[in-house]
Amino acid sequence: MAEQINREQVVANFFAALERQGWPAFLPGDFRDYLTWIHEANTVQNRRIRAQVLDLGGILGAAGIPFVLLKGANWLMEAGSEIGDRQLADIDLLVAPDTCEAAVGALETAGFRAAAPAETYARHFHCVPLARPGDAVTIEVHRHLGWQRHLLTPGEVIAAGEPFSEAASIRIMSPAHRFIFGCLHAQLQNMGYRSGLFSLRDLMDIGHLLEHKTDALDWPAIAAFGRERGIYPYLALPLHLAGHLLGVAVPEPFARSGIARLNALRCLAQRRLDPGQKFGRLAVKVAWLMDARRHSYERDCEEAAWPLRQAAIARGRLKSVFDAARGRKRVVTSTSLEDAADG
C-alpha cells in the first residue's frame, strides 16, 4: 500500500481521508506514524510554497504582467486548514504568450535562474523551470496550455481568472477551466487517453472540484464547449473513472456517455492486468514519440497547409525515434516549413 500511494503521489490525500473517515483497526501503528509524519512535513512544505506564490504575485504584479495559477497551486491558495492534504512538486502559472519573455525577465531580476538547460525548452509550451536559492520549489511559466494550444487558449483562461482575495495580482483559474485543463493535461499531454493510464491524484482533483465547486460548474456548458472543441471524450473519461474509484456522481450529460463508460472499464481492467503499468508506460513513450500535436506545436505548423504540416510532423517523428534510439535528450529549436518540406 505504501508503495502504491507513493507512486500515485497521494500519501497526504490518503492521510486526510483516514482522518476524516476514521482509522481502520487493522492498520499497523508504524504505518499510521509514517502517514502522519509525511502529512506534517507536507503541511510545512505547502506553507512555504504558498508564501512563494504570494511573492510571485508581488514580483509579476509590480511588472504589470497578468497571470493565472495552474494545477495544484489553485487548490493550495484555497486550502485553508487543509493545506497539507495534497502534494505539490512545483508552481505552474500562465501568462499571455507575448508577455512570457517579460515575465521571465522580471523573475530573473528577482533572483531566479534556470534550473535546467534552456535549449531543451526552446520550442516548449512553458519556459525553462526557474529556481531561486531558499525557495521551496521551481516555477514553470507557461505561454500555452500544452501542445494543444488551440483547444483552450491563454486568452480565454486569463480573461476568466478570478482575483485572489489576499493579492489582487494573483488570479485563480476558473473552476470550469481547472476541470477542462486538468483533463486535457492528463488525457492528451500525458497520453492517458491512448495509453489507458490514469493518475489517482488527477482524479482526486476532479473529486475536489465536484465537492467544493458544484455551484460554479455548469456541466451542460462544459459539455457544449467540449463538443465544439472536439475534446468531449477527454472530459468524459476522467469523470467516469472518478465515479468508479472515488464514488462521485458523474454529472449530466457526461453520465450518459457509453463510450466513456467503456473506456473507463478498459483503463481499470488494464490497471488490474498490469499493476506496475509497464505496458501502459511503454505505450506512453511510443505515443509521445509519434504525437502529431506535439510535433505540430514544436515546429509551429498547426495552421500550415496540410502537405507542409504532414512533412514537418514526419520529420519530427523521425528525429524523435532516432534521438530515442541514441539515448539523446531531444531538443527542438526552430524549423521552417520550407526546411521540413525539403527534409
C-alpha atoms as a PDB file:
ATOM      1  CA  MET A   1       0.000   0.000   0.000  1.00  0.00           C
ATOM      2  CA  ALA A   2       2.812   2.420   0.890  1.00  0.00           C
ATOM      3  CA  GLU A   3       4.447   1.805  -2.487  1.00  0.00           C
ATOM      4  CA  GLN A   4       1.188   2.390  -4.356  1.00  0.00           C
ATOM      5  CA  ILE A   5       0.203   5.655  -2.655  1.00  0.00           C
ATOM      6  CA  ASN A   6       3.729   6.989  -3.090  1.00  0.00           C
ATOM      7  CA  ARG A   7       3.690   6.078  -6.789  1.00  0.00           C
ATOM      8  CA  GLU A   8       0.356   7.864  -7.151  1.00  0.00           C
ATOM      9  CA  GLN A   9       1.561  10.868  -5.060  1.00  0.00           C
ATOM     10  CA  VAL A  10      -1.469  10.664  -2.793  1.00  0.00           C
ATOM     11  CA  VAL A  11       0.152   9.948   0.583  1.00  0.00           C
ATOM     12  CA  ALA A  12      -1.115  13.244   2.026  1.00  0.00           C
ATOM     13  CA  ASN A  13      -4.573  12.727   0.499  1.00  0.00           C
ATOM     14  CA  PHE A  14      -4.708   9.223   1.973  1.00  0.00           C
ATOM     15  CA  PHE A  15      -3.865  10.510   5.444  1.00  0.00           C
ATOM     16  CA  ALA A  16      -6.524  13.221   5.194  1.00  0.00           C
ATOM     17  CA  ALA A  17      -9.171  10.707   4.083  1.00  0.00           C
ATOM     18  CA  LEU A  18      -8.400   8.399   7.007  1.00  0.00           C
ATOM     19  CA  GLU A  19      -8.510  11.334   9.416  1.00  0.00           C
ATOM     20  CA  ARG A  20     -11.994  12.229   8.176  1.00  0.00           C
ATOM     21  CA  GLN A  21     -13.414   8.707   7.931  1.00  0.00           C
ATOM     22  CA  GLY A  22     -11.635   7.022  10.823  1.00  0.00           C
ATOM     23  CA  TRP A  23      -8.549   4.843  11.040  1.00  0.00           C
ATOM     24  CA  PRO A  24      -9.138   1.123  10.427  1.00  0.00           C
ATOM     25  CA  ALA A  25      -8.130  -1.065  13.340  1.00  0.00           C
ATOM     26  CA  PHE A  26      -6.057  -3.359  11.101  1.00  0.00           C
ATOM     27  CA  LEU A  27      -3.607  -0.600  10.073  1.00  0.00           C
ATOM     28  CA  PRO A  28      -0.213  -1.065  11.806  1.00  0.00           C
ATOM     29  CA  GLY A  29       0.790   1.703  14.179  1.00  0.00           C
ATOM     30  CA  ASP A  30       4.074   2.351  12.382  1.00  0.00           C
ATOM     31  CA  PHE A  31       2.193   2.856   9.098  1.00  0.00           C
ATOM     32  CA  ARG A  32      -0.040   5.423  10.767  1.00  0.00           C
ATOM     33  CA  ASP A  33       3.056   7.136  12.176  1.00  0.00           C
ATOM     34  CA  TYR A  34       4.566   7.193   8.678  1.00  0.00           C
ATOM     35  CA  LEU A  35       1.472   8.809   7.162  1.00  0.00           C
ATOM     36  CA  THR A  36       1.318  11.359   9.988  1.00  0.00           C
ATOM     37  CA  TRP A  37       4.961  12.301   9.508  1.00  0.00           C
ATOM     38  CA  ILE A  38       4.514  12.739   5.748  1.00  0.00           C
ATOM     39  CA  HIS A  39       1.412  14.890   6.249  1.00  0.00           C
ATOM     40  CA  GLU A  40       3.123  17.097   8.813  1.00  0.00           C
ATOM     41  CA  ALA A  41       6.145  17.577   6.553  1.00  0.00           C
ATOM     42  CA  ASN A  42       3.882  18.293   3.583  1.00  0.00           C
ATOM     43  CA  THR A  43       1.992  20.913   5.597  1.00  0.00           C
ATOM     44  CA  VAL A  44       5.239  22.748   6.321  1.00  0.00           C
ATOM     45  CA  GLN A  45       6.324  22.472   2.684  1.00  0.00           C
ATOM     46  CA  ASN A  46       2.984  23.704   1.335  1.00  0.00           C
ATOM     47  CA  ARG A  47       3.041  26.743   3.606  1.00  0.00           C
ATOM     48  CA  ARG A  48       6.410  27.617   2.127  1.00  0.00           C
ATOM     49  CA  ILE A  49       5.062  27.130  -1.395  1.00  0.00           C
ATOM     50  CA  ARG A  50       2.059  29.320  -0.604  1.00  0.00           C
ATOM     51  CA  ALA A  51       4.335  32.099   0.616  1.00  0.00           C
ATOM     52  CA  GLN A  52       6.333  31.699  -2.593  1.00  0.00           C
ATOM     53  CA  VAL A  53       3.165  32.145  -4.676  1.00  0.00           C
ATOM     54  CA  LEU A  54       2.355  35.357  -2.804  1.00  0.00           C
ATOM     55  CA  ASP A  55       5.885  36.580  -3.521  1.00  0.00           C
ATOM     56  CA  LEU A  56       5.433  35.768  -7.212  1.00  0.00           C
ATOM     57  CA  GLY A  57       2.266  37.832  -7.186  1.00  0.00           C
ATOM     58  CA  GLY A  58       4.245  40.787  -5.905  1.00  0.00           C
ATOM     59  CA  ILE A  59       7.014  40.375  -8.499  1.00  0.00           C
ATOM     60  CA  LEU A  60       4.779  39.966 -11.542  1.00  0.00           C
ATOM     61  CA  GLY A  61       2.219  42.451 -10.238  1.00  0.00           C
ATOM     62  CA  ALA A  62       4.917  45.124  -9.945  1.00  0.00           C
ATOM     63  CA  ALA A  63       5.956  44.322 -13.525  1.00  0.00           C
ATOM     64  CA  GLY A  64       2.370  44.734 -14.714  1.00  0.00           C
ATOM     65  CA  ILE A  65       2.150  41.152 -16.048  1.00  0.00           C
ATOM     66  CA  PRO A  66      -1.213  39.399 -15.522  1.00  0.00           C
ATOM     67  CA  PHE A  67      -1.027  35.687 -14.761  1.00  0.00           C
ATOM     68  CA  VAL A  68      -3.214  32.786 -13.687  1.00  0.00           C
ATOM     69  CA  LEU A  69      -2.210  29.915 -11.451  1.00  0.00           C
ATOM     70  CA  LEU A  70      -2.383  26.406 -12.900  1.00  0.00           C
ATOM     71  CA  LYS A  71      -2.817  22.908 -11.486  1.00  0.00           C
ATOM     72  CA  GLY A  72      -2.306  22.364  -7.760  1.00  0.00           C
ATOM     73  CA  ALA A  73      -1.399  25.963  -6.989  1.00  0.00           C
ATOM     74  CA  ASN A  74      -5.083  26.884  -7.332  1.00  0.00           C
ATOM     75  CA  TRP A  75      -6.033  24.304  -4.711  1.00  0.00           C
ATOM     76  CA  LEU A  76      -3.178  25.455  -2.475  1.00  0.00           C
ATOM     77  CA  MET A  77      -4.314  29.075  -2.267  1.00  0.00           C
ATOM     78  CA  GLU A  78      -7.840  27.989  -1.249  1.00  0.00           C
ATOM     79  CA  ALA A  79      -6.915  25.058   1.002  1.00  0.00           C
ATOM     80  CA  GLY A  80      -7.110  26.844   4.374  1.00  0.00           C
ATOM     81  CA  SER A  81      -6.707  24.415   7.249  1.00  0.00           C
ATOM     82  CA  GLU A  82      -6.393  21.508   4.782  1.00  0.00           C
ATOM     83  CA  ILE A  83      -3.158  22.872   3.335  1.00  0.00           C
ATOM     84  CA  GLY A  84      -1.258  19.638   3.978  1.00  0.00           C
ATOM     85  CA  ASP A  85      -3.746  17.398   2.170  1.00  0.00           C
ATOM     86  CA  ARG A  86      -2.168  17.448  -1.317  1.00  0.00           C
ATOM     87  CA  GLN A  87       1.413  17.186  -2.532  1.00  0.00           C
ATOM     88  CA  LEU A  88       2.858  19.744  -4.953  1.00  0.00           C
ATOM     89  CA  ALA A  89       6.089  19.442  -6.915  1.00  0.00           C
ATOM     90  CA  ASP A  90       6.328  22.942  -8.410  1.00  0.00           C
ATOM     91  CA  ILE A  91       4.380  26.131  -9.169  1.00  0.00           C
ATOM     92  CA  ASP A  92       2.823  26.434 -12.622  1.00  0.00           C
ATOM     93  CA  LEU A  93       1.475  29.731 -13.877  1.00  0.00           C
ATOM     94  CA  LEU A  94       0.164  31.020 -17.187  1.00  0.00           C
ATOM     95  CA  VAL A  95       0.897  34.343 -18.870  1.00  0.00           C
ATOM     96  CA  ALA A  96      -0.079  35.674 -22.269  1.00  0.00           C
ATOM     97  CA  PRO A  97       2.386  34.395 -24.899  1.00  0.00           C
ATOM     98  CA  ASP A  98       3.560  37.916 -25.759  1.00  0.00           C
ATOM     99  CA  THR A  99       4.426  38.635 -22.105  1.00  0.00           C
ATOM    100  CA  CYS A 100       6.267  35.381 -21.403  1.00  0.00           C
ATOM    101  CA  GLU A 101       9.721  36.835 -22.029  1.00  0.00           C
ATOM    102  CA  ALA A 102       8.969  39.852 -19.846  1.00  0.00           C
ATOM    103  CA  ALA A 103       7.694  37.585 -17.062  1.00  0.00           C
ATOM    104  CA  VAL A 104      10.885  35.525 -17.104  1.00  0.00           C
ATOM    105  CA  GLY A 105      12.924  38.736 -17.142  1.00  0.00           C
ATOM    106  CA  ALA A 106      11.095  40.055 -14.068  1.00  0.00           C
ATOM    107  CA  LEU A 107      11.696  36.797 -12.242  1.00  0.00           C
ATOM    108  CA  GLU A 108      15.377  36.772 -13.188  1.00  0.00           C
ATOM    109  CA  THR A 109      15.685  40.301 -11.841  1.00  0.00           C
ATOM    110  CA  ALA A 110      14.229  38.975  -8.571  1.00  0.00           C
ATOM    111  CA  GLY A 111      16.950  36.338  -8.377  1.00  0.00           C
ATOM    112  CA  PHE A 112      15.521  33.349 -10.250  1.00  0.00           C
ATOM    113  CA  ARG A 113      17.777  31.342 -12.544  1.00  0.00           C
ATOM    114  CA  ALA A 114      17.286  28.480 -14.995  1.00  0.00           C
ATOM    115  CA  ALA A 115      17.089  25.102 -13.250  1.00  0.00           C
ATOM    116  CA  ALA A 116      17.617  23.086 -16.456  1.00  0.00           C
ATOM    117  CA  PRO A 117      19.279  23.528 -19.871  1.00  0.00           C
ATOM    118  CA  ALA A 118      17.383  26.368 -21.563  1.00  0.00           C
ATOM    119  CA  GLU A 119      17.763  24.904 -25.074  1.00  0.00           C
ATOM    120  CA  THR A 120      15.560  21.955 -24.112  1.00  0.00           C
ATOM    121  CA  TYR A 121      12.649  24.401 -23.767  1.00  0.00           C
ATOM    122  CA  ALA A 122      13.272  26.494 -26.866  1.00  0.00           C
ATOM    123  CA  ARG A 123      10.098  25.148 -28.507  1.00  0.00           C
ATOM    124  CA  HIS A 124       8.136  24.133 -25.433  1.00  0.00           C
ATOM    125  CA  PHE A 125       4.798  25.320 -24.102  1.00  0.00           C
ATOM    126  CA  HIS A 126       6.464  26.561 -20.916  1.00  0.00           C
ATOM    127  CA  CYS A 127       9.782  28.282 -20.342  1.00  0.00           C
ATOM    128  CA  VAL A 128      12.734  26.634 -18.676  1.00  0.00           C
ATOM    129  CA  PRO A 129      11.964  25.874 -14.981  1.00  0.00           C
ATOM    130  CA  LEU A 130      13.219  28.646 -12.714  1.00  0.00           C
ATOM    131  CA  ALA A 131      14.663  28.311  -9.223  1.00  0.00           C
ATOM    132  CA  ARG A 132      15.890  30.694  -6.553  1.00  0.00           C
ATOM    133  CA  PRO A 133      18.052  29.855  -3.530  1.00  0.00           C
ATOM    134  CA  GLY A 134      15.935  29.379  -0.440  1.00  0.00           C
ATOM    135  CA  ASP A 135      12.666  28.788  -2.289  1.00  0.00           C
ATOM    136  CA  ALA A 136      10.652  25.612  -1.790  1.00  0.00           C
ATOM    137  CA  VAL A 137      10.076  24.598  -5.427  1.00  0.00           C
ATOM    138  CA  THR A 138      10.778  25.590  -9.008  1.00  0.00           C
ATOM    139  CA  ILE A 139       8.473  27.727 -11.161  1.00  0.00           C
ATOM    140  CA  GLU A 140       7.225  26.953 -14.659  1.00  0.00           C
ATOM    141  CA  VAL A 141       5.959  29.928 -16.653  1.00  0.00           C
ATOM    142  CA  HIS A 142       3.553  28.690 -19.336  1.00  0.00           C
ATOM    143  CA  ARG A 143       2.980  30.503 -22.595  1.00  0.00           C
ATOM    144  CA  HIS A 144       0.385  27.937 -23.689  1.00  0.00           C
ATOM    145  CA  LEU A 145      -1.642  25.200 -22.005  1.00  0.00           C
ATOM    146  CA  GLY A 146       0.212  22.358 -23.653  1.00  0.00           C
ATOM    147  CA  TRP A 147       0.930  21.348 -27.222  1.00  0.00           C
ATOM    148  CA  GLN A 148      -2.802  21.514 -27.925  1.00  0.00           C
ATOM    149  CA  ARG A 149      -2.682  25.314 -27.625  1.00  0.00           C
ATOM    150  CA  HIS A 150      -5.865  25.986 -29.622  1.00  0.00           C
ATOM    151  CA  LEU A 151      -8.128  23.697 -27.579  1.00  0.00           C
ATOM    152  CA  LEU A 152      -8.023  26.031 -24.571  1.00  0.00           C
ATOM    153  CA  THR A 153      -6.241  29.322 -25.116  1.00  0.00           C
ATOM    154  CA  PRO A 154      -4.292  31.547 -22.707  1.00  0.00           C
ATOM    155  CA  GLY A 155      -6.588  34.468 -23.555  1.00  0.00           C
ATOM    156  CA  GLU A 156      -9.685  32.527 -22.502  1.00  0.00           C
ATOM    157  CA  VAL A 157      -8.144  31.342 -19.248  1.00  0.00           C
ATOM    158  CA  ILE A 158      -6.650  34.694 -18.233  1.00  0.00           C
ATOM    159  CA  ALA A 159      -9.891  36.547 -19.026  1.00  0.00           C
ATOM    160  CA  ALA A 160     -11.902  34.126 -16.864  1.00  0.00           C
ATOM    161  CA  GLY A 161      -9.389  34.086 -13.993  1.00  0.00           C
ATOM    162  CA  GLU A 162     -10.704  35.099 -10.582  1.00  0.00           C
ATOM    163  CA  PRO A 163      -8.755  37.592  -8.404  1.00  0.00           C
ATOM    164  CA  PHE A 164      -7.333  36.044  -5.248  1.00  0.00           C
ATOM    165  CA  SER A 165      -8.673  37.744  -2.132  1.00  0.00           C
ATOM    166  CA  GLU A 166      -5.262  38.132  -0.454  1.00  0.00           C
ATOM    167  CA  ALA A 167      -3.442  39.524  -3.501  1.00  0.00           C
ATOM    168  CA  ALA A 168      -5.275  41.076  -6.454  1.00  0.00           C
ATOM    169  CA  SER A 169      -2.295  40.464  -8.754  1.00  0.00           C
ATOM    170  CA  ILE A 170      -2.807  36.693  -8.379  1.00  0.00           C
ATOM    171  CA  ARG A 171      -5.617  35.182 -10.386  1.00  0.00           C
ATOM    172  CA  ILE A 172      -7.130  31.775  -9.701  1.00  0.00           C
ATOM    173  CA  MET A 173      -8.181  29.631 -12.647  1.00  0.00           C
ATOM    174  CA  SER A 174     -11.957  29.423 -13.037  1.00  0.00           C
ATOM    175  CA  PRO A 175     -13.448  26.097 -11.868  1.00  0.00           C
ATOM    176  CA  ALA A 176     -14.563  25.172 -15.399  1.00  0.00           C
ATOM    177  CA  HIS A 177     -11.116  25.834 -16.832  1.00  0.00           C
ATOM    178  CA  ARG A 178      -9.490  23.933 -13.956  1.00  0.00           C
ATOM    179  CA  PHE A 179     -11.538  20.901 -14.886  1.00  0.00           C
ATOM    180  CA  ILE A 180     -11.019  21.241 -18.646  1.00  0.00           C
ATOM    181  CA  PHE A 181      -7.285  21.894 -18.410  1.00  0.00           C
ATOM    182  CA  GLY A 182      -6.791  19.072 -15.912  1.00  0.00           C
ATOM    183  CA  CYS A 183      -8.472  16.656 -18.319  1.00  0.00           C
ATOM    184  CA  LEU A 184      -6.528  17.887 -21.342  1.00  0.00           C
ATOM    185  CA  HIS A 185      -3.252  17.679 -19.436  1.00  0.00           C
ATOM    186  CA  ALA A 186      -3.930  14.114 -18.290  1.00  0.00           C
ATOM    187  CA  GLN A 187      -5.567  12.735 -21.425  1.00  0.00           C
ATOM    188  CA  LEU A 188      -3.578  14.480 -24.185  1.00  0.00           C
ATOM    189  CA  GLN A 189      -0.416  15.912 -22.649  1.00  0.00           C
ATOM    190  CA  ASN A 190       0.325  12.805 -20.577  1.00  0.00           C
ATOM    191  CA  MET A 191      -1.155  10.474 -23.228  1.00  0.00           C
ATOM    192  CA  GLY A 192      -3.651   8.966 -20.795  1.00  0.00           C
ATOM    193  CA  TYR A 193      -6.436   8.524 -23.333  1.00  0.00           C
ATOM    194  CA  ARG A 194      -4.326   6.495 -25.742  1.00  0.00           C
ATOM    195  CA  SER A 195      -2.339   4.532 -23.198  1.00  0.00           C
ATOM    196  CA  GLY A 196      -5.115   3.756 -20.720  1.00  0.00           C
ATOM    197  CA  LEU A 197      -3.073   5.145 -17.828  1.00  0.00           C
ATOM    198  CA  PHE A 198      -4.606   7.432 -15.228  1.00  0.00           C
ATOM    199  CA  SER A 199      -3.406   9.315 -12.178  1.00  0.00           C
ATOM    200  CA  LEU A 200      -5.307   8.870  -8.931  1.00  0.00           C
ATOM    201  CA  ARG A 201      -4.172  12.341  -7.850  1.00  0.00           C
ATOM    202  CA  ASP A 202      -5.703  13.850 -11.001  1.00  0.00           C
ATOM    203  CA  LEU A 203      -8.978  12.061 -10.270  1.00  0.00           C
ATOM    204  CA  MET A 204      -8.928  13.317  -6.682  1.00  0.00           C
ATOM    205  CA  ASP A 205      -8.532  16.864  -8.020  1.00  0.00           C
ATOM    206  CA  ILE A 206     -11.702  16.296 -10.051  1.00  0.00           C
ATOM    207  CA  GLY A 207     -13.413  14.933  -6.964  1.00  0.00           C
ATOM    208  CA  HIS A 208     -12.386  18.071  -5.059  1.00  0.00           C
ATOM    209  CA  LEU A 209     -13.937  20.286  -7.736  1.00  0.00           C
ATOM    210  CA  LEU A 210     -17.151  18.256  -7.716  1.00  0.00           C
ATOM    211  CA  GLU A 211     -17.358  18.564  -3.938  1.00  0.00           C
ATOM    212  CA  HIS A 212     -16.314  22.174  -3.419  1.00  0.00           C
ATOM    213  CA  LYS A 213     -17.147  23.983  -6.680  1.00  0.00           C
ATOM    214  CA  THR A 214     -20.520  22.465  -7.540  1.00  0.00           C
ATOM    215  CA  ASP A 215     -22.340  25.787  -7.924  1.00  0.00           C
ATOM    216  CA  ALA A 216     -19.630  27.176 -10.213  1.00  0.00           C
ATOM    217  CA  LEU A 217     -19.591  24.255 -12.652  1.00  0.00           C
ATOM    218  CA  ASP A 218     -22.112  24.485 -15.477  1.00  0.00           C
ATOM    219  CA  TRP A 219     -21.860  20.932 -16.804  1.00  0.00           C
ATOM    220  CA  PRO A 220     -24.103  21.369 -19.877  1.00  0.00           C
ATOM    221  CA  ALA A 221     -21.986  24.395 -20.885  1.00  0.00           C
ATOM    222  CA  ILE A 222     -18.755  22.451 -20.287  1.00  0.00           C
ATOM    223  CA  ALA A 223     -20.105  19.584 -22.397  1.00  0.00           C
ATOM    224  CA  ALA A 224     -21.082  22.004 -25.186  1.00  0.00           C
ATOM    225  CA  PHE A 225     -17.589  23.517 -25.072  1.00  0.00           C
ATOM    226  CA  GLY A 226     -16.107  20.024 -25.247  1.00  0.00           C
ATOM    227  CA  ARG A 227     -18.140  19.108 -28.308  1.00  0.00           C
ATOM    228  CA  GLU A 228     -17.365  22.407 -30.038  1.00  0.00           C
ATOM    229  CA  ARG A 229     -13.601  21.952 -29.495  1.00  0.00           C
ATOM    230  CA  GLY A 230     -13.636  18.226 -30.234  1.00  0.00           C
ATOM    231  CA  ILE A 231     -12.498  17.269 -26.722  1.00  0.00           C
ATOM    232  CA  TYR A 232     -15.682  15.789 -25.240  1.00  0.00           C
ATOM    233  CA  PRO A 233     -14.223  12.240 -24.888  1.00  0.00           C
ATOM    234  CA  TYR A 234     -11.221  13.600 -22.965  1.00  0.00           C
ATOM    235  CA  LEU A 235     -13.552  15.305 -20.482  1.00  0.00           C
ATOM    236  CA  ALA A 236     -15.956  12.386 -20.076  1.00  0.00           C
ATOM    237  CA  LEU A 237     -13.429   9.616 -19.386  1.00  0.00           C
ATOM    238  CA  PRO A 238     -11.893  11.112 -16.184  1.00  0.00           C
ATOM    239  CA  LEU A 239     -15.364  11.746 -14.773  1.00  0.00           C
ATOM    240  CA  HIS A 240     -16.317   8.096 -15.235  1.00  0.00           C
ATOM    241  CA  LEU A 241     -13.013   6.945 -13.720  1.00  0.00           C
ATOM    242  CA  ALA A 242     -13.640   9.222 -10.729  1.00  0.00           C
ATOM    243  CA  GLY A 243     -17.104   7.732 -10.445  1.00  0.00           C
ATOM    244  CA  HIS A 244     -15.712   4.183 -10.318  1.00  0.00           C
ATOM    245  CA  LEU A 245     -12.795   4.848  -7.975  1.00  0.00           C
ATOM    246  CA  LEU A 246     -13.976   7.705  -5.764  1.00  0.00           C
ATOM    247  CA  GLY A 247     -17.705   7.123  -5.767  1.00  0.00           C
ATOM    248  CA  VAL A 248     -18.560  10.586  -7.075  1.00  0.00           C
ATOM    249  CA  ALA A 249     -21.743  11.120  -9.071  1.00  0.00           C
ATOM    250  CA  VAL A 250     -20.913  11.663 -12.747  1.00  0.00           C
ATOM    251  CA  PRO A 251     -22.772  14.834 -13.796  1.00  0.00           C
ATOM    252  CA  GLU A 252     -25.129  15.038 -16.736  1.00  0.00           C
ATOM    253  CA  PRO A 253     -24.771  14.962 -19.679  1.00  0.00           C
ATOM    254  CA  PHE A 254     -21.453  13.136 -19.235  1.00  0.00           C
ATOM    255  CA  ALA A 255     -23.133  10.344 -17.271  1.00  0.00           C
ATOM    256  CA  ARG A 256     -24.891   9.229 -20.468  1.00  0.00           C
ATOM    257  CA  SER A 257     -21.651   8.675 -22.417  1.00  0.00           C
ATOM    258  CA  GLY A 258     -21.473   4.960 -23.173  1.00  0.00           C
ATOM    259  CA  ILE A 259     -18.067   5.340 -24.820  1.00  0.00           C
ATOM    260  CA  ALA A 260     -16.633   6.984 -21.705  1.00  0.00           C
ATOM    261  CA  ARG A 261     -18.122   4.231 -19.551  1.00  0.00           C
ATOM    262  CA  LEU A 262     -16.469   1.548 -21.686  1.00  0.00           C
ATOM    263  CA  ASN A 263     -13.171   3.439 -21.791  1.00  0.00           C
ATOM    264  CA  ALA A 264     -13.166   3.691 -18.003  1.00  0.00           C
ATOM    265  CA  LEU A 265     -13.672  -0.079 -17.739  1.00  0.00           C
ATOM    266  CA  ARG A 266     -10.806  -0.558 -20.214  1.00  0.00           C
ATOM    267  CA  CYS A 267      -8.494   1.581 -18.080  1.00  0.00           C
ATOM    268  CA  LEU A 268      -9.469  -0.217 -14.882  1.00  0.00           C
ATOM    269  CA  ALA A 269      -9.033  -3.655 -16.464  1.00  0.00           C
ATOM    270  CA  GLN A 270      -5.647  -2.620 -17.809  1.00  0.00           C
ATOM    271  CA  ARG A 271      -4.569  -1.479 -14.333  1.00  0.00           C
ATOM    272  CA  ARG A 272      -5.630  -4.830 -12.824  1.00  0.00           C
ATOM    273  CA  LEU A 273      -3.812  -6.835 -15.502  1.00  0.00           C
ATOM    274  CA  ASP A 274      -0.718  -4.620 -15.408  1.00  0.00           C
ATOM    275  CA  PRO A 275      -0.482  -3.203 -11.849  1.00  0.00           C
ATOM    276  CA  GLY A 276       3.059  -1.981 -12.433  1.00  0.00           C
ATOM    277  CA  GLN A 277       1.820  -0.222 -15.593  1.00  0.00           C
ATOM    278  CA  LYS A 278       4.818  -1.399 -17.614  1.00  0.00           C
ATOM    279  CA  PHE A 279       2.748  -1.842 -20.761  1.00  0.00           C
ATOM    280  CA  GLY A 280       0.998   1.484 -20.246  1.00  0.00           C
ATOM    281  CA  ARG A 281       4.256   3.364 -19.763  1.00  0.00           C
ATOM    282  CA  LEU A 282       5.656   1.802 -22.915  1.00  0.00           C
ATOM    283  CA  ALA A 283       2.505   2.923 -24.741  1.00  0.00           C
ATOM    284  CA  VAL A 284       3.037   6.464 -23.415  1.00  0.00           C
ATOM    285  CA  LYS A 285       6.609   6.520 -24.725  1.00  0.00           C
ATOM    286  CA  VAL A 286       5.518   5.353 -28.166  1.00  0.00           C
ATOM    287  CA  ALA A 287       2.616   7.822 -28.239  1.00  0.00           C
ATOM    288  CA  TRP A 288       4.928  10.656 -27.195  1.00  0.00           C
ATOM    289  CA  LEU A 289       7.389   9.841 -29.966  1.00  0.00           C
ATOM    290  CA  MET A 290       4.652   9.872 -32.605  1.00  0.00           C
ATOM    291  CA  ASP A 291       2.261  12.538 -31.265  1.00  0.00           C
ATOM    292  CA  ALA A 292       1.194  14.800 -34.130  1.00  0.00           C
ATOM    293  CA  ARG A 293       0.058  17.643 -31.843  1.00  0.00           C
ATOM    294  CA  ARG A 294       3.457  17.826 -30.174  1.00  0.00           C
ATOM    295  CA  HIS A 295       5.367  17.844 -33.437  1.00  0.00           C
ATOM    296  CA  SER A 296       2.998  20.422 -34.938  1.00  0.00           C
ATOM    297  CA  TYR A 297       3.486  22.672 -31.924  1.00  0.00           C
ATOM    298  CA  GLU A 298       7.254  22.278 -31.724  1.00  0.00           C
ATOM    299  CA  ARG A 299       7.590  23.071 -35.433  1.00  0.00           C
ATOM    300  CA  ASP A 300       4.956  25.826 -35.319  1.00  0.00           C
ATOM    301  CA  CYS A 301       2.966  24.412 -38.202  1.00  0.00           C
ATOM    302  CA  GLU A 302      -0.547  23.846 -36.788  1.00  0.00           C
ATOM    303  CA  GLU A 303      -2.039  26.352 -39.236  1.00  0.00           C
ATOM    304  CA  ALA A 304       0.108  25.376 -42.221  1.00  0.00           C
ATOM    305  CA  ALA A 305      -1.195  23.738 -45.373  1.00  0.00           C
ATOM    306  CA  TRP A 306      -1.765  20.010 -44.940  1.00  0.00           C
ATOM    307  CA  PRO A 307       1.218  18.783 -47.048  1.00  0.00           C
ATOM    308  CA  LEU A 308       3.679  21.070 -45.274  1.00  0.00           C
ATOM    309  CA  ARG A 309       2.267  20.210 -41.870  1.00  0.00           C
ATOM    310  CA  GLN A 310       2.482  16.472 -42.516  1.00  0.00           C
ATOM    311  CA  ALA A 311       6.055  16.844 -43.790  1.00  0.00           C
ATOM    312  CA  ALA A 312       7.032  18.701 -40.619  1.00  0.00           C
ATOM    313  CA  ILE A 313       5.330  16.084 -38.426  1.00  0.00           C
ATOM    314  CA  ALA A 314       7.073  13.255 -40.285  1.00  0.00           C
ATOM    315  CA  ARG A 315      10.436  14.917 -39.824  1.00  0.00           C
ATOM    316  CA  GLY A 316       9.736  15.410 -36.123  1.00  0.00           C
ATOM    317  CA  ARG A 317       8.738  11.775 -35.694  1.00  0.00           C
ATOM    318  CA  LEU A 318      11.884  10.529 -37.395  1.00  0.00           C
ATOM    319  CA  LYS A 319      14.071  12.759 -35.257  1.00  0.00           C
ATOM    320  CA  SER A 320      12.281  11.608 -32.098  1.00  0.00           C
ATOM    321  CA  VAL A 321      12.833   7.951 -32.965  1.00  0.00           C
ATOM    322  CA  PHE A 322      16.490   8.467 -33.872  1.00  0.00           C
ATOM    323  CA  ASP A 323      17.152  10.504 -30.722  1.00  0.00           C
ATOM    324  CA  ALA A 324      15.449   7.858 -28.573  1.00  0.00           C
ATOM    325  CA  ALA A 325      17.485   5.114 -30.208  1.00  0.00           C
ATOM    326  CA  ARG A 326      20.694   7.040 -29.478  1.00  0.00           C
ATOM    327  CA  GLY A 327      19.570   7.843 -25.936  1.00  0.00           C
ATOM    328  CA  ARG A 328      19.732  11.578 -26.552  1.00  0.00           C
ATOM    329  CA  LYS A 329      17.652  14.279 -24.873  1.00  0.00           C
ATOM    330  CA  ARG A 330      15.501  15.674 -27.659  1.00  0.00           C
ATOM    331  CA  VAL A 331      15.962  19.370 -28.396  1.00  0.00           C
ATOM    332  CA  VAL A 332      13.916  21.282 -30.939  1.00  0.00           C
ATOM    333  CA  THR A 333      14.829  24.866 -31.689  1.00  0.00           C
ATOM    334  CA  SER A 334      13.129  26.249 -34.749  1.00  0.00           C
ATOM    335  CA  THR A 335      12.413  24.577 -38.050  1.00  0.00           C
ATOM    336  CA  SER A 336      10.943  26.382 -41.028  1.00  0.00           C
ATOM    337  CA  LEU A 337       8.206  24.725 -43.024  1.00  0.00           C
ATOM    338  CA  GLU A 338      10.381  25.002 -46.114  1.00  0.00           C
ATOM    339  CA  ASP A 339      13.112  23.058 -44.360  1.00  0.00           C
ATOM    340  CA  ALA A 340      10.574  20.481 -43.252  1.00  0.00           C
ATOM    341  CA  ALA A 341       9.321  20.072 -46.796  1.00  0.00           C
ATOM    342  CA  ASP A 342      12.863  19.764 -48.132  1.00  0.00           C
ATOM    343  CA  GLY A 343      13.744  17.190 -45.416  1.00  0.00           C
END
